[in-house]
């Protein structure tokens, strides 16, 4: 991040690579719980972003991650005001990259006194086609932002602006630590009422295949359990239950 005496230097930040939308949609359908379980079997012990919780009940999203990193505030590196040199403020620049279906992931260091984004910034993001934000920290203008239709996974809300107290935006589209996990720009975020999960982009196709199979047999198991079926037979499927599932699957092709 350039110091204030470098304010004439243009800020350049890199964009991300985005996967095919069909892959993202397949991951959205599987949900966070199935995703974390299957990722464990693929070697990722913990993909759950701990701390940010759903502030928009019933909303489920998936999309590639644009990332924003905050650092502890140092006044020689950042203007100590809300609107001074706005184009030096990197929380704006992450939104400049937004495309339809994107998710912004913010390492705000768990700070509960800084509103990373407000209504105007989120209105712009929504207008660009963004679908949600995952912030290890807070937003402000929460009532207005909730009306925009974005998915929101946050630690909380605050009336303060983004650099009012302890932190300032430092880097865009770099690997960040959010809620105790590493998020690399372009990784896919799956988020719903259970929380937000990061899917390493190189594992995304494999996860989509395995998790879709999981969702399918769970659909069969759920039906059988609702009918009073034996838990020991249908969850997880034992050999007898799996044989029944295979017959059901052939009778109900997707």
Protein backbone atom coordinates (compact mmCIF):
# COMPACT_ATOMS: atom_id res chain seq x y z
CA UNK A 1 0.00 0.00 0.00
CA UNK A 2 1.59 3.35 -1.01
CA UNK A 3 2.03 6.08 1.58
CA UNK A 4 0.24 9.42 1.19
CA UNK A 5 3.16 11.10 -0.57
CA UNK A 6 2.68 8.54 -3.37
CA UNK A 7 -0.92 9.58 -3.92
CA UNK A 8 -0.32 10.41 -7.58
CA UNK A 9 0.72 6.84 -8.34
CA UNK A 10 -2.19 4.94 -9.94
CA UNK A 11 -3.44 1.97 -7.96
CA UNK A 12 -3.47 -1.25 -9.93
CA UNK A 13 -5.09 -4.44 -8.63
CA UNK A 14 -5.46 -7.71 -10.43
CA UNK A 15 -8.68 -9.47 -11.33
CA UNK A 16 -9.48 -13.13 -10.63
CA UNK A 17 -10.06 -16.12 -12.89
CA UNK A 18 -13.67 -17.29 -12.83
CA UNK A 19 -14.90 -20.84 -13.36
CA UNK A 20 -17.74 -21.89 -15.61
CA UNK A 21 -21.09 -20.88 -14.16
CA UNK A 22 -22.39 -24.45 -14.39
CA UNK A 23 -19.74 -25.54 -11.89
CA UNK A 24 -20.64 -22.73 -9.49
CA UNK A 25 -24.34 -23.57 -9.72
CA UNK A 26 -23.66 -27.25 -9.04
CA UNK A 27 -21.77 -26.28 -5.89
CA UNK A 28 -24.52 -23.91 -4.76
CA UNK A 29 -27.03 -26.74 -4.86
CA UNK A 30 -25.03 -29.01 -2.55
CA UNK A 31 -24.89 -26.59 0.39
CA UNK A 32 -22.23 -25.83 2.96
CA UNK A 33 -22.72 -28.88 5.19
CA UNK A 34 -22.30 -31.42 2.41
CA UNK A 35 -19.41 -29.39 1.01
CA UNK A 36 -17.40 -29.45 4.24
CA UNK A 37 -17.95 -33.18 4.72
CA UNK A 38 -16.88 -34.03 1.20
CA UNK A 39 -13.91 -31.66 1.35
CA UNK A 40 -12.71 -33.52 4.44
CA UNK A 41 -12.72 -36.71 2.38
CA UNK A 42 -10.76 -34.84 -0.30
CA UNK A 43 -8.10 -33.87 2.23
CA UNK A 44 -9.26 -30.44 3.44
CA UNK A 45 -9.77 -30.77 7.20
CA UNK A 46 -11.57 -27.48 7.77
CA UNK A 47 -13.05 -25.22 5.11
CA UNK A 48 -15.55 -23.48 7.41
CA UNK A 49 -15.11 -19.72 7.80
CA UNK A 50 -15.69 -19.37 11.53
CA UNK A 51 -17.11 -16.14 12.91
CA UNK A 52 -19.22 -14.61 10.13
CA UNK A 53 -22.83 -15.81 10.39
CA UNK A 54 -25.78 -15.45 8.06
CA UNK A 55 -27.61 -12.16 8.42
CA UNK A 56 -29.99 -13.02 5.56
CA UNK A 57 -31.87 -16.19 6.55
CA UNK A 58 -32.81 -18.48 3.69
CA UNK A 59 -30.28 -17.07 1.25
CA UNK A 60 -27.87 -19.59 -0.30
CA UNK A 61 -25.12 -18.53 -2.69
CA UNK A 62 -21.99 -19.76 -4.39
CA UNK A 63 -19.47 -17.74 -6.33
CA UNK A 64 -15.81 -16.98 -6.95
CA UNK A 65 -14.05 -14.97 -4.26
CA UNK A 66 -12.79 -11.44 -4.67
CA UNK A 67 -10.64 -10.79 -1.59
CA UNK A 68 -9.91 -7.72 0.51
CA UNK A 69 -7.33 -7.60 3.27
CA UNK A 70 -7.37 -5.14 6.17
CA UNK A 71 -4.39 -4.41 8.42
CA UNK A 72 -3.96 -2.65 11.78
CA UNK A 73 -4.23 1.05 11.23
CA UNK A 74 -1.06 3.09 10.70
CA UNK A 75 -1.78 6.72 10.03
CA UNK A 76 1.30 7.35 7.89
CA UNK A 77 -0.02 4.78 5.42
CA UNK A 78 -3.63 5.89 5.24
CA UNK A 79 -5.67 9.13 5.34
CA UNK A 80 -7.37 9.50 8.72
CA UNK A 81 -10.75 10.51 7.31
CA UNK A 82 -13.68 8.89 5.56
CA UNK A 83 -13.67 10.67 2.21
CA UNK A 84 -10.08 11.94 1.84
CA UNK A 85 -8.46 10.63 -1.37
CA UNK A 86 -11.28 8.15 -2.06
CA UNK A 87 -9.42 6.45 -4.91
CA UNK A 88 -6.61 5.53 -2.49
CA UNK A 89 -9.12 3.49 -0.49
CA UNK A 90 -8.75 -0.10 -1.54
CA UNK A 91 -12.14 -1.27 -0.33
CA UNK A 92 -13.45 0.55 -3.39
CA UNK A 93 -11.04 -1.22 -5.72
CA UNK A 94 -12.16 -4.74 -4.83
CA UNK A 95 -15.65 -3.74 -5.94
CA UNK A 96 -14.36 -2.38 -9.25
CA UNK A 97 -13.55 -5.99 -10.19
CA UNK A 98 -17.05 -7.27 -9.41
CA UNK A 99 -18.87 -9.27 -12.04
CA UNK A 100 -22.15 -11.16 -11.99
CA UNK A 101 -22.07 -13.96 -9.44
CA UNK A 102 -19.03 -12.76 -7.48
CA UNK A 103 -18.61 -12.94 -3.70
CA UNK A 104 -16.41 -10.50 -1.75
CA UNK A 105 -14.45 -12.07 1.12
CA UNK A 106 -12.92 -9.66 3.63
CA UNK A 107 -10.26 -10.27 6.23
CA UNK A 108 -11.26 -7.47 8.62
CA UNK A 109 -9.32 -9.08 11.49
CA UNK A 110 -12.53 -9.79 13.40
CA UNK A 111 -12.84 -6.08 14.19
CA UNK A 112 -16.28 -5.12 15.50
CA UNK A 113 -15.82 -1.34 15.35
CA UNK A 114 -15.22 -0.80 11.61
CA UNK A 115 -17.99 -0.86 9.01
CA UNK A 116 -16.15 -2.32 6.02
CA UNK A 117 -18.91 -1.36 3.58
CA UNK A 118 -21.97 0.86 3.75
CA UNK A 119 -25.15 1.17 1.72
CA UNK A 120 -23.65 3.07 -1.23
CA UNK A 121 -20.77 0.66 -1.73
CA UNK A 122 -23.06 -2.37 -1.49
CA UNK A 123 -25.58 -0.78 -3.84
CA UNK A 124 -22.79 -0.46 -6.39
CA UNK A 125 -21.69 -4.07 -5.81
CA UNK A 126 -25.24 -5.33 -6.25
CA UNK A 127 -25.61 -3.28 -9.39
CA UNK A 128 -22.50 -4.99 -10.77
CA UNK A 129 -24.13 -8.38 -10.21
CA UNK A 130 -22.48 -9.35 -6.91
CA UNK A 131 -24.34 -11.97 -4.90
CA UNK A 132 -22.90 -11.73 -1.40
CA UNK A 133 -20.17 -10.78 1.06
CA UNK A 134 -18.38 -12.76 3.74
CA UNK A 135 -16.73 -10.42 6.23
CA UNK A 136 -14.69 -11.30 9.30
CA UNK A 137 -15.94 -8.02 10.72
CA UNK A 138 -18.86 -5.64 10.25
CA UNK A 139 -20.84 -3.50 7.85
CA UNK A 140 -22.84 -0.36 8.56
CA UNK A 141 -26.19 0.80 7.13
CA UNK A 142 -27.34 -2.77 7.72
CA UNK A 143 -31.08 -2.14 7.37
CA UNK A 144 -30.66 -0.57 3.94
CA UNK A 145 -28.13 -3.17 2.78
CA UNK A 146 -30.45 -6.03 3.71
CA UNK A 147 -33.00 -4.59 1.27
CA UNK A 148 -30.59 -5.04 -1.65
CA UNK A 149 -31.00 -8.81 -1.86
CA UNK A 150 -27.36 -9.63 -1.17
CA UNK A 151 -26.30 -12.58 0.95
CA UNK A 152 -24.57 -11.31 4.09
CA UNK A 153 -22.25 -13.34 6.33
CA UNK A 154 -20.86 -11.06 9.03
CA UNK A 155 -19.60 -10.91 12.59
CA UNK A 156 -21.91 -7.98 13.28
CA UNK A 157 -22.88 -4.43 12.43
CA UNK A 158 -21.64 -1.01 13.54
CA UNK A 159 -22.43 2.65 12.81
CA UNK A 160 -18.71 3.39 12.30
CA UNK A 161 -17.08 3.86 8.90
CA UNK A 162 -14.36 1.56 7.61
CA UNK A 163 -11.23 3.32 8.94
CA UNK A 164 -12.72 5.10 11.92
CA UNK A 165 -10.93 3.05 14.58
CA UNK A 166 -8.44 0.20 14.26
CA UNK A 167 -7.99 -1.08 10.70
CA UNK A 168 -7.54 0.05 7.10
CA UNK A 169 -7.83 -1.71 3.71
CA UNK A 170 -4.40 -2.87 2.61
CA UNK A 171 -4.58 -5.25 -0.37
CA UNK A 172 -6.99 -6.52 -3.02
CA UNK A 173 -7.17 -10.01 -4.52
CA UNK A 174 -4.40 -11.53 -2.45
CA UNK A 175 -4.68 -14.65 -0.26
CA UNK A 176 -6.39 -13.71 2.99
CA UNK A 177 -7.17 -15.32 6.33
CA UNK A 178 -10.89 -15.08 6.94
CA UNK A 179 -12.43 -16.73 9.97
CA UNK A 180 -9.41 -18.95 10.50
CA UNK A 181 -9.11 -20.33 6.96
CA UNK A 182 -7.11 -19.32 3.91
CA UNK A 183 -9.06 -17.92 0.98
CA UNK A 184 -7.22 -17.55 -2.32
CA UNK A 185 -8.66 -15.17 -4.92
CA UNK A 186 -10.84 -17.18 -7.29
CA UNK A 187 -11.65 -19.92 -4.77
CA UNK A 188 -15.36 -20.67 -4.67
CA UNK A 189 -17.43 -19.68 -1.66
CA UNK A 190 -20.52 -21.70 -0.71
CA UNK A 191 -22.65 -19.96 1.90
CA UNK A 192 -26.07 -20.57 3.43
CA UNK A 193 -27.75 -20.57 6.83
CA UNK A 194 -25.11 -22.93 8.25
CA UNK A 195 -22.29 -20.56 7.36
CA UNK A 196 -19.68 -19.94 4.67
CA UNK A 197 -17.23 -22.49 3.25
CA UNK A 198 -14.23 -22.00 0.98
CA UNK A 199 -13.68 -24.49 -1.85
CA UNK A 200 -10.15 -24.54 -3.26
CA UNK A 201 -10.62 -23.95 -6.95
CA UNK A 202 -8.51 -26.95 -7.96
CA UNK A 203 -10.85 -29.26 -5.99
CA UNK A 204 -14.09 -27.69 -7.18
CA UNK A 205 -14.85 -30.06 -10.10
CA UNK A 206 -14.13 -33.14 -7.99
CA UNK A 207 -16.22 -31.78 -5.13
CA UNK A 208 -19.15 -31.05 -7.44
CA UNK A 209 -19.16 -34.64 -8.68
CA UNK A 210 -18.80 -36.32 -5.29
CA UNK A 211 -21.14 -33.98 -3.47
CA UNK A 212 -23.85 -34.33 -6.12
CA UNK A 213 -23.76 -38.10 -5.58
CA UNK A 214 -23.98 -37.50 -1.83
CA UNK A 215 -26.98 -35.20 -2.22
CA UNK A 216 -28.72 -37.79 -4.38
CA UNK A 217 -28.40 -40.70 -1.94
CA UNK A 218 -29.37 -38.42 0.93
CA UNK A 219 -32.57 -37.56 -0.95
CA UNK A 220 -33.40 -41.27 -1.03
CA UNK A 221 -32.43 -41.72 2.63
CA UNK A 222 -34.50 -38.72 3.71
CA UNK A 223 -37.54 -40.16 1.97
CA UNK A 224 -37.09 -43.54 3.64
CA UNK A 225 -36.51 -42.06 7.10
CA UNK A 226 -39.62 -39.88 6.73
CA UNK A 227 -41.55 -43.08 6.04
CA UNK A 228 -40.27 -44.56 9.30
CA UNK A 229 -37.36 -46.49 7.79
CA UNK A 230 -34.54 -47.88 9.94
CA UNK A 231 -31.81 -45.31 10.64
CA UNK A 232 -29.24 -48.11 10.77
CA UNK A 233 -30.17 -49.10 7.23
CA UNK A 234 -30.67 -45.74 5.58
CA UNK A 235 -28.21 -43.30 7.19
CA UNK A 236 -25.61 -43.90 6.09
CA UNK A 237 -26.72 -46.54 3.61
CA UNK A 238 -25.71 -50.06 4.55
CA UNK A 239 -25.38 -52.71 1.85
CA UNK A 240 -29.07 -53.52 1.89
CA UNK A 241 -30.05 -49.85 1.84
CA UNK A 242 -27.64 -49.10 -0.98
CA UNK A 243 -29.09 -51.89 -3.08
CA UNK A 244 -32.52 -50.33 -2.64
CA UNK A 245 -31.08 -46.93 -3.50
CA UNK A 246 -29.60 -48.20 -6.76
CA UNK A 247 -33.00 -49.58 -7.81
CA UNK A 248 -34.65 -46.26 -6.86
CA UNK A 249 -32.01 -44.30 -8.72
CA UNK A 250 -32.61 -46.21 -11.96
CA UNK A 251 -36.33 -45.61 -11.61
CA UNK A 252 -35.79 -41.89 -11.01
CA UNK A 253 -33.09 -40.75 -13.47
CA UNK A 254 -32.00 -37.13 -13.26
